[in-house]
Amino acid sequence: MTELTLSPTSATLLFVIACLAGYRYRSVWKNEGPRFQLWIFGLVAAACLLSLGFVPLQVG
């Protein structure tokens, strides 16, 4: 059985996706846009940040 780890490249990609989703969440929120977009961008950002927080990085 293999352990679930993130490579540095995939962790960086997840971080960039989380930042972009958070930025879109904030812009939709400020413009009082549709609620479903808030949910979509919020869940994407949360999922990326949670995976970065709880899945270990691959070392070496």
Protein backbone atom coordinates (compact mmCIF):
# COMPACT_ATOMS: atom_id res chain seq x y z
CA MET A 1 0.00 0.00 0.00
CA THR A 2 1.36 3.41 -0.92
CA GLU A 3 1.06 6.48 1.24
CA LEU A 4 -0.75 9.53 0.01
CA THR A 5 1.73 12.40 -0.35
CA LEU A 6 1.89 15.61 -2.34
CA SER A 7 4.83 16.46 -4.53
CA PRO A 8 6.12 20.03 -4.24
CA THR A 9 4.75 20.79 -7.72
CA SER A 10 1.26 19.54 -6.92
CA ALA A 11 1.28 21.38 -3.58
CA THR A 12 2.21 24.61 -5.35
CA LEU A 13 -0.53 24.04 -7.91
CA LEU A 14 -3.09 23.44 -5.15
CA PHE A 15 -1.96 26.62 -3.39
CA VAL A 16 -2.34 28.68 -6.57
CA ILE A 17 -5.82 27.21 -7.20
CA ALA A 18 -6.81 28.01 -3.60
CA CYS A 19 -5.61 31.61 -3.98
CA LEU A 20 -7.47 32.10 -7.26
CA ALA A 21 -10.66 30.54 -5.88
CA GLY A 22 -10.43 32.71 -2.77
CA TYR A 23 -9.96 35.81 -4.91
CA ARG A 24 -13.02 34.91 -7.01
CA TYR A 25 -15.00 34.17 -3.84
CA ARG A 26 -14.19 37.61 -2.49
CA SER A 27 -15.05 39.38 -5.74
CA VAL A 28 -18.41 37.57 -6.04
CA TRP A 29 -19.14 38.34 -2.39
CA LYS A 30 -18.34 42.06 -2.77
CA ASN A 31 -20.45 42.36 -5.92
CA GLU A 32 -23.29 40.42 -4.26
CA GLY A 33 -23.25 37.83 -7.01
CA PRO A 34 -25.11 34.53 -7.18
CA ARG A 35 -24.96 32.35 -4.07
CA PHE A 36 -24.07 29.20 -5.99
CA GLN A 37 -20.83 30.82 -7.14
CA LEU A 38 -19.95 31.61 -3.53
CA TRP A 39 -20.44 27.96 -2.66
CA ILE A 40 -18.42 26.71 -5.61
CA PHE A 41 -15.43 29.00 -5.07
CA GLY A 42 -15.57 28.59 -1.30
CA LEU A 43 -15.63 24.81 -1.47
CA VAL A 44 -12.79 24.70 -4.01
CA ALA A 45 -10.63 26.97 -1.84
CA ALA A 46 -11.48 25.03 1.32
CA ALA A 47 -10.76 21.65 -0.28
CA CYS A 48 -7.39 22.82 -1.59
CA LEU A 49 -6.35 24.36 1.73
CA LEU A 50 -7.52 21.35 3.74
CA SER A 51 -5.59 18.97 1.49
CA LEU A 52 -2.50 21.16 1.84
CA GLY A 53 -2.93 21.15 5.59
CA PHE A 54 -3.52 17.44 6.13
CA VAL A 55 -1.72 15.60 3.32
CA PRO A 56 2.04 15.42 3.89
CA LEU A 57 4.59 16.65 1.39
CA GLN A 58 6.83 14.20 -0.40
CA VAL A 59 10.40 14.54 0.89
CA GLY A 60 13.40 13.50 -1.12
